[in-house]
PDB file of N, CA and C in Angstrom:
ATOM      1  N   UNK A   1      20.186   4.596  10.585  1.00  0.00           N
ATOM      2  CA  UNK A   1      21.336   4.511   9.703  1.00  0.00           C
ATOM      3  C   UNK A   1      20.960   3.670   8.484  1.00  0.00           C
ATOM      4  N   UNK A   2      21.132   4.214   7.316  1.00  0.00           N
ATOM      5  CA  UNK A   2      20.826   3.495   6.088  1.00  0.00           C
ATOM      6  C   UNK A   2      22.057   2.770   5.580  1.00  0.00           C
ATOM      7  N   UNK A   3      21.821   1.596   5.003  1.00  0.00           N
ATOM      8  CA  UNK A   3      22.875   0.784   4.423  1.00  0.00           C
ATOM      9  C   UNK A   3      22.435   0.357   3.035  1.00  0.00           C
ATOM     10  N   UNK A   4      23.347   0.336   2.105  1.00  0.00           N
ATOM     11  CA  UNK A   4      23.047  -0.068   0.738  1.00  0.00           C
ATOM     12  C   UNK A   4      22.816  -1.572   0.686  1.00  0.00           C
ATOM     13  N   UNK A   5      21.827  -1.997  -0.104  1.00  0.00           N
ATOM     14  CA  UNK A   5      21.476  -3.404  -0.262  1.00  0.00           C
ATOM     15  C   UNK A   5      21.333  -3.698  -1.753  1.00  0.00           C
ATOM     16  N   UNK A   6      21.943  -4.771  -2.212  1.00  0.00           N
ATOM     17  CA  UNK A   6      21.824  -5.175  -3.599  1.00  0.00           C
ATOM     18  C   UNK A   6      20.884  -6.364  -3.681  1.00  0.00           C
ATOM     19  N   UNK A   7      19.873  -6.259  -4.560  1.00  0.00           N
ATOM     20  CA  UNK A   7      18.897  -7.329  -4.751  1.00  0.00           C
ATOM     21  C   UNK A   7      18.882  -7.755  -6.207  1.00  0.00           C
ATOM     22  N   UNK A   8      18.602  -9.010  -6.443  1.00  0.00           N
ATOM     23  CA  UNK A   8      18.407  -9.526  -7.796  1.00  0.00           C
ATOM     24  C   UNK A   8      16.923  -9.787  -7.985  1.00  0.00           C
ATOM     25  N   UNK A   9      16.311  -8.973  -8.838  1.00  0.00           N
ATOM     26  CA  UNK A   9      14.867  -9.047  -9.068  1.00  0.00           C
ATOM     27  C   UNK A   9      14.625  -9.022 -10.570  1.00  0.00           C
ATOM     28  N   UNK A  10      13.571  -9.707 -11.000  1.00  0.00           N
ATOM     29  CA  UNK A  10      13.236  -9.752 -12.418  1.00  0.00           C
ATOM     30  C   UNK A  10      13.062  -8.336 -12.968  1.00  0.00           C
ATOM     31  N   UNK A  11      13.591  -8.112 -14.164  1.00  0.00           N
ATOM     32  CA  UNK A  11      13.583  -6.781 -14.769  1.00  0.00           C
ATOM     33  C   UNK A  11      12.160  -6.241 -14.925  1.00  0.00           C
ATOM     34  N   UNK A  12      11.224  -7.071 -15.364  1.00  0.00           N
ATOM     35  CA  UNK A  12       9.844  -6.628 -15.547  1.00  0.00           C
ATOM     36  C   UNK A  12       9.227  -6.181 -14.225  1.00  0.00           C
ATOM     37  N   UNK A  13       9.515  -6.910 -13.168  1.00  0.00           N
ATOM     38  CA  UNK A  13       8.981  -6.569 -11.856  1.00  0.00           C
ATOM     39  C   UNK A  13       9.557  -5.244 -11.354  1.00  0.00           C
ATOM     40  N   UNK A  14      10.817  -5.018 -11.635  1.00  0.00           N
ATOM     41  CA  UNK A  14      11.442  -3.752 -11.239  1.00  0.00           C
ATOM     42  C   UNK A  14      10.750  -2.583 -11.930  1.00  0.00           C
ATOM     43  N   UNK A  15      10.464  -2.724 -13.212  1.00  0.00           N
ATOM     44  CA  UNK A  15       9.789  -1.653 -13.947  1.00  0.00           C
ATOM     45  C   UNK A  15       8.397  -1.396 -13.390  1.00  0.00           C
ATOM     46  N   UNK A  16       7.681  -2.451 -13.055  1.00  0.00           N
ATOM     47  CA  UNK A  16       6.344  -2.305 -12.464  1.00  0.00           C
ATOM     48  C   UNK A  16       6.445  -1.612 -11.111  1.00  0.00           C
ATOM     49  N   UNK A  17       7.416  -2.022 -10.319  1.00  0.00           N
ATOM     50  CA  UNK A  17       7.597  -1.434  -8.988  1.00  0.00           C
ATOM     51  C   UNK A  17       7.986   0.033  -9.087  1.00  0.00           C
ATOM     52  N   UNK A  18       8.837   0.380 -10.044  1.00  0.00           N
ATOM     53  CA  UNK A  18       9.226   1.780 -10.228  1.00  0.00           C
ATOM     54  C   UNK A  18       8.024   2.633 -10.611  1.00  0.00           C
ATOM     55  N   UNK A  19       7.194   2.108 -11.490  1.00  0.00           N
ATOM     56  CA  UNK A  19       5.995   2.835 -11.907  1.00  0.00           C
ATOM     57  C   UNK A  19       5.061   3.025 -10.715  1.00  0.00           C
ATOM     58  N   UNK A  20       4.877   1.963  -9.927  1.00  0.00           N
ATOM     59  CA  UNK A  20       4.023   2.052  -8.746  1.00  0.00           C
ATOM     60  C   UNK A  20       4.574   3.085  -7.764  1.00  0.00           C
ATOM     61  N   UNK A  21       5.874   3.046  -7.537  1.00  0.00           N
ATOM     62  CA  UNK A  21       6.505   3.991  -6.612  1.00  0.00           C
ATOM     63  C   UNK A  21       6.301   5.427  -7.086  1.00  0.00           C
ATOM     64  N   UNK A  22       6.463   5.654  -8.368  1.00  0.00           N
ATOM     65  CA  UNK A  22       6.289   6.990  -8.920  1.00  0.00           C
ATOM     66  C   UNK A  22       4.838   7.451  -8.763  1.00  0.00           C
ATOM     67  N   UNK A  23       3.890   6.564  -9.050  1.00  0.00           N
ATOM     68  CA  UNK A  23       2.476   6.918  -8.929  1.00  0.00           C
ATOM     69  C   UNK A  23       2.081   7.192  -7.481  1.00  0.00           C
ATOM     70  N   UNK A  24       2.714   6.503  -6.550  1.00  0.00           N
ATOM     71  CA  UNK A  24       2.378   6.705  -5.138  1.00  0.00           C
ATOM     72  C   UNK A  24       3.291   7.733  -4.475  1.00  0.00           C
ATOM     73  N   UNK A  25       4.116   8.385  -5.293  1.00  0.00           N
ATOM     74  CA  UNK A  25       5.006   9.461  -4.833  1.00  0.00           C
ATOM     75  C   UNK A  25       5.927   9.002  -3.701  1.00  0.00           C
ATOM     76  N   UNK A  26       6.520   7.833  -3.910  1.00  0.00           N
ATOM     77  CA  UNK A  26       7.479   7.279  -2.956  1.00  0.00           C
ATOM     78  C   UNK A  26       8.702   6.823  -3.725  1.00  0.00           C
ATOM     79  N   UNK A  27       9.772   6.637  -3.003  1.00  0.00           N
ATOM     80  CA  UNK A  27      10.948   6.064  -3.648  1.00  0.00           C
ATOM     81  C   UNK A  27      10.816   4.545  -3.601  1.00  0.00           C
ATOM     82  N   UNK A  28      11.492   3.893  -4.504  1.00  0.00           N
ATOM     83  CA  UNK A  28      11.494   2.435  -4.518  1.00  0.00           C
ATOM     84  C   UNK A  28      12.112   1.904  -3.231  1.00  0.00           C
ATOM     85  N   UNK A  29      13.123   2.578  -2.742  1.00  0.00           N
ATOM     86  CA  UNK A  29      13.754   2.171  -1.483  1.00  0.00           C
ATOM     87  C   UNK A  29      12.766   2.223  -0.320  1.00  0.00           C
ATOM     88  N   UNK A  30      11.957   3.282  -0.269  1.00  0.00           N
ATOM     89  CA  UNK A  30      10.998   3.378   0.834  1.00  0.00           C
ATOM     90  C   UNK A  30       9.922   2.313   0.730  1.00  0.00           C
ATOM     91  N   UNK A  31       9.527   1.950  -0.494  1.00  0.00           N
ATOM     92  CA  UNK A  31       8.560   0.866  -0.660  1.00  0.00           C
ATOM     93  C   UNK A  31       9.111  -0.448  -0.119  1.00  0.00           C
ATOM     94  N   UNK A  32      10.346  -0.760  -0.490  1.00  0.00           N
ATOM     95  CA  UNK A  32      10.977  -1.997  -0.026  1.00  0.00           C
ATOM     96  C   UNK A  32      11.155  -1.961   1.488  1.00  0.00           C
ATOM     97  N   UNK A  33      11.613  -0.839   2.001  1.00  0.00           N
ATOM     98  CA  UNK A  33      11.817  -0.706   3.442  1.00  0.00           C
ATOM     99  C   UNK A  33      10.500  -0.899   4.199  1.00  0.00           C
ATOM    100  N   UNK A  34       9.434  -0.266   3.734  1.00  0.00           N
ATOM    101  CA  UNK A  34       8.144  -0.388   4.400  1.00  0.00           C
ATOM    102  C   UNK A  34       7.599  -1.812   4.307  1.00  0.00           C
ATOM    103  N   UNK A  35       7.850  -2.467   3.194  1.00  0.00           N
ATOM    104  CA  UNK A  35       7.413  -3.857   3.048  1.00  0.00           C
ATOM    105  C   UNK A  35       8.146  -4.757   4.047  1.00  0.00           C
ATOM    106  N   UNK A  36       9.440  -4.555   4.206  1.00  0.00           N
ATOM    107  CA  UNK A  36      10.193  -5.331   5.186  1.00  0.00           C
ATOM    108  C   UNK A  36       9.671  -5.082   6.603  1.00  0.00           C
ATOM    109  N   UNK A  37       9.319  -3.836   6.889  1.00  0.00           N
ATOM    110  CA  UNK A  37       8.744  -3.517   8.196  1.00  0.00           C
ATOM    111  C   UNK A  37       7.420  -4.242   8.390  1.00  0.00           C
ATOM    112  N   UNK A  38       6.622  -4.268   7.324  1.00  0.00           N
ATOM    113  CA  UNK A  38       5.336  -4.959   7.378  1.00  0.00           C
ATOM    114  C   UNK A  38       5.537  -6.453   7.617  1.00  0.00           C
ATOM    115  N   UNK A  39       6.479  -7.046   6.891  1.00  0.00           N
ATOM    116  CA  UNK A  39       6.742  -8.482   7.021  1.00  0.00           C
ATOM    117  C   UNK A  39       7.192  -8.871   8.419  1.00  0.00           C
ATOM    118  N   UNK A  40       7.999  -8.036   9.019  1.00  0.00           N
ATOM    119  CA  UNK A  40       8.533  -8.357  10.340  1.00  0.00           C
ATOM    120  C   UNK A  40       7.542  -8.031  11.445  1.00  0.00           C
ATOM    121  N   UNK A  41       6.453  -7.335  11.110  1.00  0.00           N
ATOM    122  CA  UNK A  41       5.430  -7.023  12.090  1.00  0.00           C
ATOM    123  C   UNK A  41       5.872  -6.051  13.149  1.00  0.00           C
ATOM    124  N   UNK A  42       6.840  -5.228  12.844  1.00  0.00           N
ATOM    125  CA  UNK A  42       7.339  -4.258  13.804  1.00  0.00           C
ATOM    126  C   UNK A  42       6.436  -3.028  13.769  1.00  0.00           C
ATOM    127  N   UNK A  43       5.336  -3.082  14.527  1.00  0.00           N
ATOM    128  CA  UNK A  43       4.345  -2.008  14.512  1.00  0.00           C
ATOM    129  C   UNK A  43       4.905  -0.684  15.017  1.00  0.00           C
ATOM    130  N   UNK A  44       5.860  -0.743  15.921  1.00  0.00           N
ATOM    131  CA  UNK A  44       6.465   0.494  16.428  1.00  0.00           C
ATOM    132  C   UNK A  44       7.140   1.243  15.276  1.00  0.00           C
ATOM    133  N   UNK A  45       7.823   0.515  14.424  1.00  0.00           N
ATOM    134  CA  UNK A  45       8.488   1.127  13.273  1.00  0.00           C
ATOM    135  C   UNK A  45       7.448   1.569  12.242  1.00  0.00           C
ATOM    136  N   UNK A  46       6.371   0.802  12.088  1.00  0.00           N
ATOM    137  CA  UNK A  46       5.357   1.140  11.097  1.00  0.00           C
ATOM    138  C   UNK A  46       4.683   2.481  11.397  1.00  0.00           C
ATOM    139  N   UNK A  47       4.671   2.895  12.642  1.00  0.00           N
ATOM    140  CA  UNK A  47       4.072   4.182  12.993  1.00  0.00           C
ATOM    141  C   UNK A  47       4.820   5.348  12.365  1.00  0.00           C
ATOM    142  N   UNK A  48       6.067   5.148  11.979  1.00  0.00           N
ATOM    143  CA  UNK A  48       6.883   6.214  11.415  1.00  0.00           C
ATOM    144  C   UNK A  48       6.831   6.279   9.895  1.00  0.00           C
ATOM    145  N   UNK A  49       5.994   5.458   9.261  1.00  0.00           N
ATOM    146  CA  UNK A  49       5.906   5.441   7.803  1.00  0.00           C
ATOM    147  C   UNK A  49       5.264   6.742   7.317  1.00  0.00           C
ATOM    148  N   UNK A  50       5.891   7.344   6.329  1.00  0.00           N
ATOM    149  CA  UNK A  50       5.336   8.566   5.757  1.00  0.00           C
ATOM    150  C   UNK A  50       4.112   8.232   4.918  1.00  0.00           C
ATOM    151  N   UNK A  51       3.043   8.979   5.148  1.00  0.00           N
ATOM    152  CA  UNK A  51       1.818   8.803   4.379  1.00  0.00           C
ATOM    153  C   UNK A  51       1.740   9.963   3.400  1.00  0.00           C
ATOM    154  N   UNK A  52       1.420   9.641   2.152  1.00  0.00           N
ATOM    155  CA  UNK A  52       1.381  10.686   1.134  1.00  0.00           C
ATOM    156  C   UNK A  52       0.297  11.713   1.468  1.00  0.00           C
ATOM    157  N   UNK A  53       0.490  12.952   1.051  1.00  0.00           N
ATOM    158  CA  UNK A  53      -0.496  14.003   1.323  1.00  0.00           C
ATOM    159  C   UNK A  53      -1.885  13.658   0.774  1.00  0.00           C
ATOM    160  N   UNK A  54      -1.927  12.978  -0.365  1.00  0.00           N
ATOM    161  CA  UNK A  54      -3.213  12.605  -0.950  1.00  0.00           C
ATOM    162  C   UNK A  54      -3.974  11.660  -0.031  1.00  0.00           C
ATOM    163  N   UNK A  55      -3.279  10.666   0.508  1.00  0.00           N
ATOM    164  CA  UNK A  55      -3.919   9.715   1.412  1.00  0.00           C
ATOM    165  C   UNK A  55      -4.356  10.421   2.695  1.00  0.00           C
ATOM    166  N   UNK A  56      -3.535  11.321   3.196  1.00  0.00           N
ATOM    167  CA  UNK A  56      -3.894  12.055   4.404  1.00  0.00           C
ATOM    168  C   UNK A  56      -5.182  12.845   4.209  1.00  0.00           C
ATOM    169  N   UNK A  57      -5.372  13.441   3.025  1.00  0.00           N
ATOM    170  CA  UNK A  57      -6.591  14.216   2.786  1.00  0.00           C
ATOM    171  C   UNK A  57      -7.820  13.311   2.708  1.00  0.00           C
ATOM    172  N   UNK A  58      -7.638  12.068   2.317  1.00  0.00           N
ATOM    173  CA  UNK A  58      -8.764  11.136   2.204  1.00  0.00           C
ATOM    174  C   UNK A  58      -9.105  10.462   3.525  1.00  0.00           C
ATOM    175  N   UNK A  59      -8.185  10.470   4.437  1.00  0.00           N
ATOM    176  CA  UNK A  59      -8.366   9.778   5.707  1.00  0.00           C
ATOM    177  C   UNK A  59      -9.518  10.372   6.505  1.00  0.00           C
ATOM    178  N   UNK A  60     -10.473   9.512   6.868  1.00  0.00           N
ATOM    179  CA  UNK A  60     -11.578   9.918   7.725  1.00  0.00           C
ATOM    180  C   UNK A  60     -12.752  10.565   7.020  1.00  0.00           C
ATOM    181  N   UNK A  61     -12.789  10.575   5.687  1.00  0.00           N
ATOM    182  CA  UNK A  61     -13.906  11.241   5.012  1.00  0.00           C
ATOM    183  C   UNK A  61     -15.137  10.346   4.886  1.00  0.00           C
ATOM    184  N   UNK A  62     -14.980   9.056   5.131  1.00  0.00           N
ATOM    185  CA  UNK A  62     -16.101   8.127   5.051  1.00  0.00           C
ATOM    186  C   UNK A  62     -16.362   7.549   6.433  1.00  0.00           C
ATOM    187  N   UNK A  63     -17.626   7.572   6.842  1.00  0.00           N
ATOM    188  CA  UNK A  63     -17.976   6.925   8.096  1.00  0.00           C
ATOM    189  C   UNK A  63     -18.989   5.827   7.788  1.00  0.00           C
ATOM    190  N   UNK A  64     -18.720   4.636   8.269  1.00  0.00           N
ATOM    191  CA  UNK A  64     -19.573   3.483   8.021  1.00  0.00           C
ATOM    192  C   UNK A  64     -20.056   2.903   9.339  1.00  0.00           C
ATOM    193  N   UNK A  65     -21.192   2.234   9.285  1.00  0.00           N
ATOM    194  CA  UNK A  65     -21.689   1.530  10.464  1.00  0.00           C
ATOM    195  C   UNK A  65     -20.733   0.402  10.816  1.00  0.00           C
ATOM    196  N   UNK A  66     -20.688   0.030  12.079  1.00  0.00           N
ATOM    197  CA  UNK A  66     -19.809  -1.054  12.517  1.00  0.00           C
ATOM    198  C   UNK A  66     -20.166  -2.390  11.891  1.00  0.00           C
ATOM    199  N   UNK A  67     -21.427  -2.566  11.488  1.00  0.00           N
ATOM    200  CA  UNK A  67     -21.841  -3.835  10.908  1.00  0.00           C
ATOM    201  C   UNK A  67     -21.724  -3.860   9.381  1.00  0.00           C
ATOM    202  N   UNK A  68     -21.128  -2.834   8.787  1.00  0.00           N
ATOM    203  CA  UNK A  68     -20.964  -2.771   7.339  1.00  0.00           C
ATOM    204  C   UNK A  68     -20.012  -3.867   6.875  1.00  0.00           C
ATOM    205  N   UNK A  69     -20.467  -4.668   5.907  1.00  0.00           N
ATOM    206  CA  UNK A  69     -19.668  -5.784   5.386  1.00  0.00           C
ATOM    207  C   UNK A  69     -19.221  -5.437   3.965  1.00  0.00           C
ATOM    208  N   UNK A  70     -18.012  -4.911   3.850  1.00  0.00           N
ATOM    209  CA  UNK A  70     -17.525  -4.473   2.539  1.00  0.00           C
ATOM    210  C   UNK A  70     -17.349  -5.636   1.572  1.00  0.00           C
ATOM    211  N   UNK A  71     -17.041  -6.817   2.088  1.00  0.00           N
ATOM    212  CA  UNK A  71     -16.884  -7.985   1.203  1.00  0.00           C
ATOM    213  C   UNK A  71     -18.221  -8.352   0.566  1.00  0.00           C
ATOM    214  N   UNK A  72     -19.279  -8.288   1.356  1.00  0.00           N
ATOM    215  CA  UNK A  72     -20.613  -8.598   0.844  1.00  0.00           C
ATOM    216  C   UNK A  72     -21.024  -7.570  -0.202  1.00  0.00           C
ATOM    217  N   UNK A  73     -20.767  -6.299   0.055  1.00  0.00           N
ATOM    218  CA  UNK A  73     -21.092  -5.242  -0.895  1.00  0.00           C
ATOM    219  C   UNK A  73     -20.288  -5.387  -2.191  1.00  0.00           C
ATOM    220  N   UNK A  74     -19.035  -5.739  -2.064  1.00  0.00           N
ATOM    221  CA  UNK A  74     -18.209  -5.942  -3.252  1.00  0.00           C
ATOM    222  C   UNK A  74     -18.714  -7.129  -4.062  1.00  0.00           C
ATOM    223  N   UNK A  75     -19.114  -8.177  -3.369  1.00  0.00           N
ATOM    224  CA  UNK A  75     -19.658  -9.357  -4.049  1.00  0.00           C
ATOM    225  C   UNK A  75     -20.921  -8.976  -4.835  1.00  0.00           C
ATOM    226  N   UNK A  76     -21.791  -8.176  -4.228  1.00  0.00           N
ATOM    227  CA  UNK A  76     -22.999  -7.707  -4.934  1.00  0.00           C
ATOM    228  C   UNK A  76     -22.610  -6.902  -6.177  1.00  0.00           C
ATOM    229  N   UNK A  77     -21.629  -6.045  -6.020  1.00  0.00           N
ATOM    230  CA  UNK A  77     -21.172  -5.218  -7.136  1.00  0.00           C
ATOM    231  C   UNK A  77     -20.684  -6.092  -8.303  1.00  0.00           C
ATOM    232  N   UNK A  78     -19.887  -7.088  -8.001  1.00  0.00           N
ATOM    233  CA  UNK A  78     -19.343  -7.977  -9.039  1.00  0.00           C
ATOM    234  C   UNK A  78     -20.462  -8.767  -9.717  1.00  0.00           C
ATOM    235  N   UNK A  79     -21.393  -9.260  -8.924  1.00  0.00           N
ATOM    236  CA  UNK A  79     -22.524 -10.014  -9.489  1.00  0.00           C
ATOM    237  C   UNK A  79     -23.330  -9.123 -10.420  1.00  0.00           C
ATOM    238  N   UNK A  80     -23.629  -7.892  -9.973  1.00  0.00           N
ATOM    239  CA  UNK A  80     -24.379  -6.951 -10.818  1.00  0.00           C
ATOM    240  C   UNK A  80     -23.610  -6.596 -12.083  1.00  0.00           C
ATOM    241  N   UNK A  81     -22.334  -6.404 -11.941  1.00  0.00           N
ATOM    242  CA  UNK A  81     -21.504  -6.001 -13.065  1.00  0.00           C
ATOM    243  C   UNK A  81     -21.450  -7.075 -14.154  1.00  0.00           C
ATOM    244  N   UNK A  82     -21.348  -8.334 -13.754  1.00  0.00           N
ATOM    245  CA  UNK A  82     -21.154  -9.407 -14.723  1.00  0.00           C
ATOM    246  C   UNK A  82     -22.404 -10.238 -14.968  1.00  0.00           C
ATOM    247  N   UNK A  83     -23.548  -9.753 -14.513  1.00  0.00           N
ATOM    248  CA  UNK A  83     -24.817 -10.474 -14.765  1.00  0.00           C
ATOM    249  C   UNK A  83     -25.494  -9.984 -16.013  1.00  0.00           C
TER     250      UNK A  83
END
Protein backbone atom coordinates (compact mmCIF):
# COMPACT_ATOMS: atom_id res chain seq x y z
CA UNK A 1 0.00 0.00 0.00
CA UNK A 2 1.47 3.33 -1.04
CA UNK A 3 1.06 6.48 1.03
CA UNK A 4 1.87 10.04 0.04
CA UNK A 5 4.85 11.62 1.84
CA UNK A 6 5.83 15.29 1.82
CA UNK A 7 9.54 16.11 2.15
CA UNK A 8 11.40 19.40 2.37
CA UNK A 9 14.56 19.13 0.29
CA UNK A 10 16.86 21.74 -1.22
CA UNK A 11 15.67 22.78 -4.68
CA UNK A 12 19.07 22.14 -6.32
CA UNK A 13 19.21 18.64 -4.87
CA UNK A 14 15.73 17.88 -6.15
CA UNK A 15 16.75 18.88 -9.68
CA UNK A 16 19.86 16.68 -9.48
CA UNK A 17 17.81 13.77 -8.17
CA UNK A 18 15.20 14.19 -10.91
CA UNK A 19 17.91 14.16 -13.57
CA UNK A 20 19.48 11.06 -12.02
CA UNK A 21 16.10 9.32 -11.85
CA UNK A 22 15.40 10.12 -15.48
CA UNK A 23 18.83 8.87 -16.59
CA UNK A 24 18.39 5.64 -14.64
CA UNK A 25 14.83 5.23 -15.97
CA UNK A 26 13.25 5.26 -12.52
CA UNK A 27 10.78 7.47 -10.79
CA UNK A 28 11.97 9.77 -8.05
CA UNK A 29 9.57 8.00 -5.70
CA UNK A 30 11.14 4.62 -6.43
CA UNK A 31 14.62 6.03 -5.81
CA UNK A 32 13.57 7.37 -2.41
CA UNK A 33 11.71 4.17 -1.57
CA UNK A 34 14.70 1.99 -2.50
CA UNK A 35 17.03 4.21 -0.50
CA UNK A 36 14.83 3.85 2.58
CA UNK A 37 14.86 0.08 2.08
CA UNK A 38 18.65 0.19 1.84
CA UNK A 39 18.94 2.28 5.00
CA UNK A 40 16.75 -0.03 7.03
CA UNK A 41 18.67 -3.08 5.81
CA UNK A 42 15.52 -4.96 4.93
CA UNK A 43 17.12 -7.42 2.49
CA UNK A 44 13.86 -9.30 1.99
CA UNK A 45 12.30 -6.13 0.58
CA UNK A 46 15.44 -5.31 -1.42
CA UNK A 47 14.99 -8.51 -3.42
CA UNK A 48 11.88 -6.97 -4.99
CA UNK A 49 13.67 -3.88 -6.37
CA UNK A 50 13.19 -3.48 -10.09
CA UNK A 51 16.45 -3.56 -12.02
CA UNK A 52 16.57 -1.60 -15.25
CA UNK A 53 16.81 -3.64 -18.47
CA UNK A 54 20.20 -2.06 -19.22
CA UNK A 55 21.66 -3.26 -15.93
CA UNK A 56 20.16 -6.71 -16.43
CA UNK A 57 21.92 -7.03 -19.80
CA UNK A 58 25.25 -6.10 -18.20
CA UNK A 59 24.90 -8.49 -15.29
CA UNK A 60 27.38 -11.36 -15.42
CA UNK A 61 29.33 -10.29 -18.52
CA UNK A 62 32.60 -9.90 -16.60
CA UNK A 63 34.29 -12.71 -14.73
CA UNK A 64 37.18 -11.89 -12.41
CA UNK A 65 39.49 -13.98 -10.28
CA UNK A 66 38.57 -14.16 -6.60
CA UNK A 67 41.82 -12.41 -5.68
CA UNK A 68 41.17 -9.43 -7.99
CA UNK A 69 41.61 -6.18 -6.04
CA UNK A 70 39.61 -3.49 -7.82
CA UNK A 71 40.74 -0.80 -5.37
CA UNK A 72 44.38 -1.51 -6.17
CA UNK A 73 43.67 -1.43 -9.91
CA UNK A 74 41.78 1.84 -9.58
CA UNK A 75 44.65 3.32 -7.58
CA UNK A 76 47.07 2.35 -10.38
CA UNK A 77 44.75 3.93 -12.92
CA UNK A 78 44.60 7.22 -10.99
CA UNK A 79 48.37 7.31 -10.49
CA UNK A 80 48.94 6.69 -14.22
CA UNK A 81 46.34 9.24 -15.20
CA UNK A 82 47.74 12.06 -13.07
CA UNK A 83 51.47 11.27 -13.32
